[in-house]
mmCIF file of all heavy atoms, coordinates in Angstrom:
data_MODEL
# 
_entry.id   MODEL 
# 
loop_
_atom_site.group_PDB 
_atom_site.id 
_atom_site.type_symbol 
_atom_site.label_atom_id 
_atom_site.label_alt_id 
_atom_site.label_comp_id 
_atom_site.label_asym_id 
_atom_site.label_entity_id 
_atom_site.label_seq_id 
_atom_site.pdbx_PDB_ins_code 
_atom_site.Cartn_x 
_atom_site.Cartn_y 
_atom_site.Cartn_z 
_atom_site.occupancy 
_atom_site.B_iso_or_equiv 
_atom_site.pdbx_formal_charge 
_atom_site.auth_seq_id 
_atom_site.auth_comp_id 
_atom_site.auth_asym_id 
_atom_site.auth_atom_id 
_atom_site.pdbx_PDB_model_num 
ATOM 1   N N   . VAL A 1 1  ? 64.719 114.256 27.257 1.00 0.00 ? 1  VAL A N   1 
ATOM 2   C CA  . VAL A 1 1  ? 65.844 113.674 26.520 1.00 0.00 ? 1  VAL A CA  1 
ATOM 3   C C   . VAL A 1 1  ? 67.171 114.087 27.173 1.00 0.00 ? 1  VAL A C   1 
ATOM 4   O O   . VAL A 1 1  ? 68.114 113.289 27.220 1.00 0.00 ? 1  VAL A O   1 
ATOM 5   C CB  . VAL A 1 1  ? 65.790 114.095 25.038 1.00 0.00 ? 1  VAL A CB  1 
ATOM 6   C CG1 . VAL A 1 1  ? 67.064 113.704 24.305 1.00 0.00 ? 1  VAL A CG1 1 
ATOM 7   C CG2 . VAL A 1 1  ? 64.580 113.452 24.364 1.00 0.00 ? 1  VAL A CG2 1 
ATOM 8   N N   . CYS A 1 2  ? 67.254 115.315 27.691 1.00 0.00 ? 2  CYS A N   1 
ATOM 9   C CA  . CYS A 1 2  ? 68.484 115.760 28.363 1.00 0.00 ? 2  CYS A CA  1 
ATOM 10  C C   . CYS A 1 2  ? 68.791 114.889 29.582 1.00 0.00 ? 2  CYS A C   1 
ATOM 11  O O   . CYS A 1 2  ? 69.961 114.611 29.879 1.00 0.00 ? 2  CYS A O   1 
ATOM 12  C CB  . CYS A 1 2  ? 68.372 117.223 28.777 1.00 0.00 ? 2  CYS A CB  1 
ATOM 13  S SG  . CYS A 1 2  ? 68.627 118.390 27.411 1.00 0.00 ? 2  CYS A SG  1 
ATOM 14  N N   . VAL A 1 3  ? 67.753 114.469 30.293 1.00 0.00 ? 3  VAL A N   1 
ATOM 15  C CA  . VAL A 1 3  ? 67.962 113.587 31.446 1.00 0.00 ? 3  VAL A CA  1 
ATOM 16  C C   . VAL A 1 3  ? 68.569 112.266 30.994 1.00 0.00 ? 3  VAL A C   1 
ATOM 17  O O   . VAL A 1 3  ? 69.494 111.734 31.621 1.00 0.00 ? 3  VAL A O   1 
ATOM 18  C CB  . VAL A 1 3  ? 66.631 113.345 32.194 1.00 0.00 ? 3  VAL A CB  1 
ATOM 19  C CG1 . VAL A 1 3  ? 66.815 112.275 33.263 1.00 0.00 ? 3  VAL A CG1 1 
ATOM 20  C CG2 . VAL A 1 3  ? 66.134 114.635 32.833 1.00 0.00 ? 3  VAL A CG2 1 
ATOM 21  N N   . ILE A 1 4  ? 68.082 111.734 29.875 1.00 0.00 ? 4  ILE A N   1 
ATOM 22  C CA  . ILE A 1 4  ? 68.623 110.469 29.363 1.00 0.00 ? 4  ILE A CA  1 
ATOM 23  C C   . ILE A 1 4  ? 70.056 110.668 28.857 1.00 0.00 ? 4  ILE A C   1 
ATOM 24  O O   . ILE A 1 4  ? 70.878 109.753 28.924 1.00 0.00 ? 4  ILE A O   1 
ATOM 25  C CB  . ILE A 1 4  ? 67.732 109.900 28.234 1.00 0.00 ? 4  ILE A CB  1 
ATOM 26  C CG1 . ILE A 1 4  ? 66.286 109.777 28.711 1.00 0.00 ? 4  ILE A CG1 1 
ATOM 27  C CG2 . ILE A 1 4  ? 68.233 108.530 27.800 1.00 0.00 ? 4  ILE A CG2 1 
ATOM 28  C CD1 . ILE A 1 4  ? 66.100 108.865 29.913 1.00 0.00 ? 4  ILE A CD1 1 
ATOM 29  N N   . PHE A 1 5  ? 70.377 111.868 28.389 1.00 0.00 ? 5  PHE A N   1 
ATOM 30  C CA  . PHE A 1 5  ? 71.763 112.147 27.997 1.00 0.00 ? 5  PHE A CA  1 
ATOM 31  C C   . PHE A 1 5  ? 72.699 112.050 29.211 1.00 0.00 ? 5  PHE A C   1 
ATOM 32  O O   . PHE A 1 5  ? 73.868 111.689 29.066 1.00 0.00 ? 5  PHE A O   1 
ATOM 33  C CB  . PHE A 1 5  ? 71.873 113.522 27.342 1.00 0.00 ? 5  PHE A CB  1 
ATOM 34  C CG  . PHE A 1 5  ? 71.759 113.489 25.839 1.00 0.00 ? 5  PHE A CG  1 
ATOM 35  C CD1 . PHE A 1 5  ? 70.626 113.951 25.196 1.00 0.00 ? 5  PHE A CD1 1 
ATOM 36  C CD2 . PHE A 1 5  ? 72.793 112.981 25.068 1.00 0.00 ? 5  PHE A CD2 1 
ATOM 37  C CE1 . PHE A 1 5  ? 70.518 113.919 23.808 1.00 0.00 ? 5  PHE A CE1 1 
ATOM 38  C CE2 . PHE A 1 5  ? 72.707 112.938 23.678 1.00 0.00 ? 5  PHE A CE2 1 
ATOM 39  C CZ  . PHE A 1 5  ? 71.555 113.403 23.046 1.00 0.00 ? 5  PHE A CZ  1 
ATOM 40  N N   . LEU A 1 6  ? 72.201 112.394 30.401 1.00 0.00 ? 6  LEU A N   1 
ATOM 41  C CA  . LEU A 1 6  ? 73.004 112.223 31.617 1.00 0.00 ? 6  LEU A CA  1 
ATOM 42  C C   . LEU A 1 6  ? 73.277 110.739 31.873 1.00 0.00 ? 6  LEU A C   1 
ATOM 43  O O   . LEU A 1 6  ? 74.373 110.350 32.266 1.00 0.00 ? 6  LEU A O   1 
ATOM 44  C CB  . LEU A 1 6  ? 72.285 112.836 32.822 1.00 0.00 ? 6  LEU A CB  1 
ATOM 45  C CG  . LEU A 1 6  ? 72.193 114.365 32.864 1.00 0.00 ? 6  LEU A CG  1 
ATOM 46  C CD1 . LEU A 1 6  ? 71.339 114.820 34.044 1.00 0.00 ? 6  LEU A CD1 1 
ATOM 47  C CD2 . LEU A 1 6  ? 73.580 114.986 32.952 1.00 0.00 ? 6  LEU A CD2 1 
ATOM 48  N N   . VAL A 1 7  ? 72.254 109.904 31.645 1.00 0.00 ? 7  VAL A N   1 
ATOM 49  C CA  . VAL A 1 7  ? 72.428 108.456 31.778 1.00 0.00 ? 7  VAL A CA  1 
ATOM 50  C C   . VAL A 1 7  ? 73.436 107.951 30.751 1.00 0.00 ? 7  VAL A C   1 
ATOM 51  O O   . VAL A 1 7  ? 74.315 107.137 31.054 1.00 0.00 ? 7  VAL A O   1 
ATOM 52  C CB  . VAL A 1 7  ? 71.076 107.727 31.596 1.00 0.00 ? 7  VAL A CB  1 
ATOM 53  C CG1 . VAL A 1 7  ? 71.270 106.213 31.639 1.00 0.00 ? 7  VAL A CG1 1 
ATOM 54  C CG2 . VAL A 1 7  ? 70.081 108.163 32.659 1.00 0.00 ? 7  VAL A CG2 1 
ATOM 55  N N   . SER A 1 8  ? 73.333 108.468 29.521 1.00 0.00 ? 8  SER A N   1 
ATOM 56  C CA  . SER A 1 8  ? 74.271 108.084 28.468 1.00 0.00 ? 8  SER A CA  1 
ATOM 57  C C   . SER A 1 8  ? 75.696 108.472 28.838 1.00 0.00 ? 8  SER A C   1 
ATOM 58  O O   . SER A 1 8  ? 76.651 107.723 28.575 1.00 0.00 ? 8  SER A O   1 
ATOM 59  C CB  . SER A 1 8  ? 73.876 108.760 27.148 1.00 0.00 ? 8  SER A CB  1 
ATOM 60  O OG  . SER A 1 8  ? 74.782 108.438 26.118 1.00 0.00 ? 8  SER A OG  1 
ATOM 61  N N   . ALA A 1 9  ? 75.854 109.644 29.476 1.00 0.00 ? 9  ALA A N   1 
ATOM 62  C CA  . ALA A 1 9  ? 77.182 110.074 29.917 1.00 0.00 ? 9  ALA A CA  1 
ATOM 63  C C   . ALA A 1 9  ? 77.756 109.104 30.947 1.00 0.00 ? 9  ALA A C   1 
ATOM 64  O O   . ALA A 1 9  ? 78.945 108.778 30.923 1.00 0.00 ? 9  ALA A O   1 
ATOM 65  C CB  . ALA A 1 9  ? 77.115 111.486 30.496 1.00 0.00 ? 9  ALA A CB  1 
ATOM 66  N N   . ALA A 1 10 ? 76.886 108.616 31.844 1.00 0.00 ? 10 ALA A N   1 
ATOM 67  C CA  . ALA A 1 10 ? 77.333 107.631 32.843 1.00 0.00 ? 10 ALA A CA  1 
ATOM 68  C C   . ALA A 1 10 ? 77.788 106.336 32.165 1.00 0.00 ? 10 ALA A C   1 
ATOM 69  O O   . ALA A 1 10 ? 78.800 105.733 32.545 1.00 0.00 ? 10 ALA A O   1 
ATOM 70  C CB  . ALA A 1 10 ? 76.204 107.342 33.835 1.00 0.00 ? 10 ALA A CB  1 
ATOM 71  N N   . GLU A 1 11 ? 77.037 105.911 31.149 1.00 0.00 ? 11 GLU A N   1 
ATOM 72  C CA  . GLU A 1 11 ? 77.425 104.712 30.393 1.00 0.00 ? 11 GLU A CA  1 
ATOM 73  C C   . GLU A 1 11 ? 78.760 104.926 29.684 1.00 0.00 ? 11 GLU A C   1 
ATOM 74  O O   . GLU A 1 11 ? 79.607 104.020 29.639 1.00 0.00 ? 11 GLU A O   1 
ATOM 75  C CB  . GLU A 1 11 ? 76.343 104.364 29.368 1.00 0.00 ? 11 GLU A CB  1 
ATOM 76  C CG  . GLU A 1 11 ? 75.070 103.817 29.965 1.00 0.00 ? 11 GLU A CG  1 
ATOM 77  C CD  . GLU A 1 11 ? 74.099 103.355 28.895 1.00 0.00 ? 11 GLU A CD  1 
ATOM 78  O OE1 . GLU A 1 11 ? 74.531 103.125 27.743 1.00 0.00 ? 11 GLU A OE1 1 
ATOM 79  O OE2 . GLU A 1 11 ? 72.898 103.212 29.196 1.00 0.00 ? 11 GLU A OE2 1 
ATOM 80  N N   . THR A 1 12 ? 78.938 106.109 29.136 1.00 0.00 ? 12 THR A N   1 
ATOM 81  C CA  . THR A 1 12 ? 80.178 106.410 28.420 1.00 0.00 ? 12 THR A CA  1 
ATOM 82  C C   . THR A 1 12 ? 81.373 106.399 29.367 1.00 0.00 ? 12 THR A C   1 
ATOM 83  O O   . THR A 1 12 ? 82.453 105.899 29.017 1.00 0.00 ? 12 THR A O   1 
ATOM 84  C CB  . THR A 1 12 ? 80.070 107.782 27.721 1.00 0.00 ? 12 THR A CB  1 
ATOM 85  O OG1 . THR A 1 12 ? 79.004 107.738 26.771 1.00 0.00 ? 12 THR A OG1 1 
ATOM 86  C CG2 . THR A 1 12 ? 81.358 108.143 27.004 1.00 0.00 ? 12 THR A CG2 1 
ATOM 87  N N   . ILE A 1 13 ? 81.180 106.939 30.568 1.00 0.00 ? 13 ILE A N   1 
ATOM 88  C CA  . ILE A 1 13 ? 82.242 106.873 31.574 1.00 0.00 ? 13 ILE A CA  1 
ATOM 89  C C   . ILE A 1 13 ? 82.591 105.420 31.859 1.00 0.00 ? 13 ILE A C   1 
ATOM 90  O O   . ILE A 1 13 ? 83.771 105.045 31.925 1.00 0.00 ? 13 ILE A O   1 
ATOM 91  C CB  . ILE A 1 13 ? 81.814 107.596 32.871 1.00 0.00 ? 13 ILE A CB  1 
ATOM 92  C CG1 . ILE A 1 13 ? 81.719 109.108 32.633 1.00 0.00 ? 13 ILE A CG1 1 
ATOM 93  C CG2 . ILE A 1 13 ? 82.800 107.305 34.004 1.00 0.00 ? 13 ILE A CG2 1 
ATOM 94  C CD1 . ILE A 1 13 ? 81.109 109.872 33.793 1.00 0.00 ? 13 ILE A CD1 1 
ATOM 95  N N   . GLY A 1 14 ? 81.556 104.578 31.994 1.00 0.00 ? 14 GLY A N   1 
ATOM 96  C CA  . GLY A 1 14 ? 81.784 103.159 32.249 1.00 0.00 ? 14 GLY A CA  1 
ATOM 97  C C   . GLY A 1 14 ? 82.481 102.473 31.095 1.00 0.00 ? 14 GLY A C   1 
ATOM 98  O O   . GLY A 1 14 ? 83.448 101.714 31.291 1.00 0.00 ? 14 GLY A O   1 
ATOM 99  N N   . ASP A 1 15 ? 82.005 102.714 29.876 1.00 0.00 ? 15 ASP A N   1 
ATOM 100 C CA  . ASP A 1 15 ? 82.611 102.091 28.685 1.00 0.00 ? 15 ASP A CA  1 
ATOM 101 C C   . ASP A 1 15 ? 84.070 102.515 28.523 1.00 0.00 ? 15 ASP A C   1 
ATOM 102 O O   . ASP A 1 15 ? 84.946 101.695 28.236 1.00 0.00 ? 15 ASP A O   1 
ATOM 103 C CB  . ASP A 1 15 ? 81.830 102.479 27.420 1.00 0.00 ? 15 ASP A CB  1 
ATOM 104 C CG  . ASP A 1 15 ? 80.550 101.672 27.258 1.00 0.00 ? 15 ASP A CG  1 
ATOM 105 O OD1 . ASP A 1 15 ? 80.452 100.605 27.888 1.00 0.00 ? 15 ASP A OD1 1 
ATOM 106 O OD2 . ASP A 1 15 ? 79.666 102.110 26.514 1.00 0.00 ? 15 ASP A OD2 1 
ATOM 107 N N   . THR A 1 16 ? 84.321 103.817 28.682 1.00 0.00 ? 16 THR A N   1 
ATOM 108 C CA  . THR A 1 16 ? 85.684 104.330 28.515 1.00 0.00 ? 16 THR A CA  1 
ATOM 109 C C   . THR A 1 16 ? 86.611 103.763 29.580 1.00 0.00 ? 16 THR A C   1 
ATOM 110 O O   . THR A 1 16 ? 87.740 103.353 29.286 1.00 0.00 ? 16 THR A O   1 
ATOM 111 C CB  . THR A 1 16 ? 85.687 105.874 28.571 1.00 0.00 ? 16 THR A CB  1 
ATOM 112 O OG1 . THR A 1 16 ? 84.731 106.391 27.646 1.00 0.00 ? 16 THR A OG1 1 
ATOM 113 C CG2 . THR A 1 16 ? 87.059 106.425 28.220 1.00 0.00 ? 16 THR A CG2 1 
ATOM 114 N N   . SER A 1 17 ? 86.131 103.721 30.821 1.00 0.00 ? 17 SER A N   1 
ATOM 115 C CA  . SER A 1 17 ? 86.933 103.164 31.918 1.00 0.00 ? 17 SER A CA  1 
ATOM 116 C C   . SER A 1 17 ? 87.228 101.692 31.683 1.00 0.00 ? 17 SER A C   1 
ATOM 117 O O   . SER A 1 17 ? 88.354 101.224 31.890 1.00 0.00 ? 17 SER A O   1 
ATOM 118 C CB  . SER A 1 17 ? 86.193 103.341 33.252 1.00 0.00 ? 17 SER A CB  1 
ATOM 119 O OG  . SER A 1 17 ? 85.927 104.697 33.523 1.00 0.00 ? 17 SER A OG  1 
ATOM 120 N N   . ALA A 1 18 ? 86.204 100.944 31.231 1.00 0.00 ? 18 ALA A N   1 
ATOM 121 C CA  . ALA A 1 18 ? 86.376 99.504  30.987 1.00 0.00 ? 18 ALA A CA  1 
ATOM 122 C C   . ALA A 1 18 ? 87.337 99.253  29.832 1.00 0.00 ? 18 ALA A C   1 
ATOM 123 O O   . ALA A 1 18 ? 88.163 98.331  29.886 1.00 0.00 ? 18 ALA A O   1 
ATOM 124 C CB  . ALA A 1 18 ? 85.027 98.859  30.693 1.00 0.00 ? 18 ALA A CB  1 
ATOM 125 N N   . MET A 1 19 ? 87.241 100.077 28.779 1.00 0.00 ? 19 MET A N   1 
ATOM 126 C CA  . MET A 1 19 ? 88.118 99.901  27.626 1.00 0.00 ? 19 MET A CA  1 
ATOM 127 C C   . MET A 1 19 ? 89.584 100.125 28.020 1.00 0.00 ? 19 MET A C   1 
ATOM 128 O O   . MET A 1 19 ? 90.469 99.351  27.656 1.00 0.00 ? 19 MET A O   1 
ATOM 129 C CB  . MET A 1 19 ? 87.720 100.892 26.530 1.00 0.00 ? 19 MET A CB  1 
ATOM 130 C CG  . MET A 1 19 ? 88.170 100.517 25.125 1.00 0.00 ? 19 MET A CG  1 
ATOM 131 S SD  . MET A 1 19 ? 89.927 100.552 24.871 1.00 0.00 ? 19 MET A SD  1 
ATOM 132 C CE  . MET A 1 19 ? 90.282 102.249 25.299 1.00 0.00 ? 19 MET A CE  1 
ATOM 133 N N   . VAL A 1 20 ? 89.834 101.174 28.789 1.00 0.00 ? 20 VAL A N   1 
ATOM 134 C CA  . VAL A 1 20 ? 91.204 101.491 29.204 1.00 0.00 ? 20 VAL A CA  1 
ATOM 135 C C   . VAL A 1 20 ? 91.736 100.427 30.163 1.00 0.00 ? 20 VAL A C   1 
ATOM 136 O O   . VAL A 1 20 ? 92.879 99.982  30.037 1.00 0.00 ? 20 VAL A O   1 
ATOM 137 C CB  . VAL A 1 20 ? 91.257 102.892 29.857 1.00 0.00 ? 20 VAL A CB  1 
ATOM 138 C CG1 . VAL A 1 20 ? 92.625 103.149 30.454 1.00 0.00 ? 20 VAL A CG1 1 
ATOM 139 C CG2 . VAL A 1 20 ? 90.934 103.973 28.822 1.00 0.00 ? 20 VAL A CG2 1 
ATOM 140 N N   . ALA A 1 21 ? 90.883 99.990  31.096 1.00 0.00 ? 21 ALA A N   1 
ATOM 141 C CA  . ALA A 1 21 ? 91.317 98.983  32.068 1.00 0.00 ? 21 ALA A CA  1 
ATOM 142 C C   . ALA A 1 21 ? 91.568 97.634  31.396 1.00 0.00 ? 21 ALA A C   1 
ATOM 143 O O   . ALA A 1 21 ? 92.578 96.969  31.647 1.00 0.00 ? 21 ALA A O   1 
ATOM 144 C CB  . ALA A 1 21 ? 90.270 98.832  33.174 1.00 0.00 ? 21 ALA A CB  1 
ATOM 145 N N   . GLY A 1 22 ? 90.638 97.228  30.497 1.00 0.00 ? 22 GLY A N   1 
ATOM 146 C CA  . GLY A 1 22 ? 90.753 95.917  29.865 1.00 0.00 ? 22 GLY A CA  1 
ATOM 147 C C   . GLY A 1 22 ? 91.696 95.874  28.678 1.00 0.00 ? 22 GLY A C   1 
ATOM 148 O O   . GLY A 1 22 ? 92.323 94.845  28.408 1.00 0.00 ? 22 GLY A O   1 
ATOM 149 N N   . GLY A 1 23 ? 91.805 97.001  27.954 1.00 0.00 ? 23 GLY A N   1 
ATOM 150 C CA  . GLY A 1 23 ? 92.624 97.009  26.744 1.00 0.00 ? 23 GLY A CA  1 
ATOM 151 C C   . GLY A 1 23 ? 94.009 97.588  26.920 1.00 0.00 ? 23 GLY A C   1 
ATOM 152 O O   . GLY A 1 23 ? 94.960 97.144  26.276 1.00 0.00 ? 23 GLY A O   1 
ATOM 153 N N   . LEU A 1 24 ? 94.130 98.593  27.813 1.00 0.00 ? 24 LEU A N   1 
ATOM 154 C CA  . LEU A 1 24 ? 95.418 99.276  27.988 1.00 0.00 ? 24 LEU A CA  1 
ATOM 155 C C   . LEU A 1 24 ? 96.042 99.020  29.356 1.00 0.00 ? 24 LEU A C   1 
ATOM 156 O O   . LEU A 1 24 ? 97.149 99.484  29.634 1.00 0.00 ? 24 LEU A O   1 
ATOM 157 C CB  . LEU A 1 24 ? 95.234 100.788 27.781 1.00 0.00 ? 24 LEU A CB  1 
ATOM 158 C CG  . LEU A 1 24 ? 94.688 101.212 26.409 1.00 0.00 ? 24 LEU A CG  1 
ATOM 159 C CD1 . LEU A 1 24 ? 94.480 102.723 26.357 1.00 0.00 ? 24 LEU A CD1 1 
ATOM 160 C CD2 . LEU A 1 24 ? 95.609 100.766 25.283 1.00 0.00 ? 24 LEU A CD2 1 
ATOM 161 N N   . ASN A 1 25 ? 95.302 98.314  30.222 1.00 0.00 ? 25 ASN A N   1 
ATOM 162 C CA  . ASN A 1 25 ? 95.814 97.928  31.546 1.00 0.00 ? 25 ASN A CA  1 
ATOM 163 C C   . ASN A 1 25 ? 96.295 99.122  32.376 1.00 0.00 ? 25 ASN A C   1 
ATOM 164 O O   . ASN A 1 25 ? 97.372 99.103  32.955 1.00 0.00 ? 25 ASN A O   1 
ATOM 165 C CB  . ASN A 1 25 ? 96.958 96.905  31.404 1.00 0.00 ? 25 ASN A CB  1 
ATOM 166 C CG  . ASN A 1 25 ? 96.504 95.633  30.734 1.00 0.00 ? 25 ASN A CG  1 
ATOM 167 O OD1 . ASN A 1 25 ? 95.468 95.082  31.104 1.00 0.00 ? 25 ASN A OD1 1 
ATOM 168 N ND2 . ASN A 1 25 ? 97.253 95.183  29.742 1.00 0.00 ? 25 ASN A ND2 1 
ATOM 169 N N   . ARG A 1 26 ? 95.498 100.168 32.391 1.00 0.00 ? 26 ARG A N   1 
ATOM 170 C CA  . ARG A 1 26 ? 95.808 101.338 33.215 1.00 0.00 ? 26 ARG A CA  1 
ATOM 171 C C   . ARG A 1 26 ? 94.507 102.028 33.581 1.00 0.00 ? 26 ARG A C   1 
ATOM 172 O O   . ARG A 1 26 ? 93.427 101.619 33.149 1.00 0.00 ? 26 ARG A O   1 
ATOM 173 C CB  . ARG A 1 26 ? 96.735 102.300 32.470 1.00 0.00 ? 26 ARG A CB  1 
ATOM 174 C CG  . ARG A 1 26 ? 96.157 102.876 31.175 1.00 0.00 ? 26 ARG A CG  1 
ATOM 175 C CD  . ARG A 1 26 ? 97.047 103.969 30.633 1.00 0.00 ? 26 ARG A CD  1 
ATOM 176 N NE  . ARG A 1 26 ? 96.640 104.467 29.330 1.00 0.00 ? 26 ARG A NE  1 
ATOM 177 C CZ  . ARG A 1 26 ? 95.678 105.365 29.121 1.00 0.00 ? 26 ARG A CZ  1 
ATOM 178 N NH1 . ARG A 1 26 ? 94.993 105.837 30.159 1.00 0.00 ? 26 ARG A NH1 1 
ATOM 179 N NH2 . ARG A 1 26 ? 95.379 105.779 27.907 1.00 0.00 ? 26 ARG A NH2 1 
# 
């Protein structure tokens, strides 16, 4: 499960980056 948490962290980095880029334009 800890290994999958690493995958989840990668998804979170992607989601957070996409939200800031698409919603806040930075």
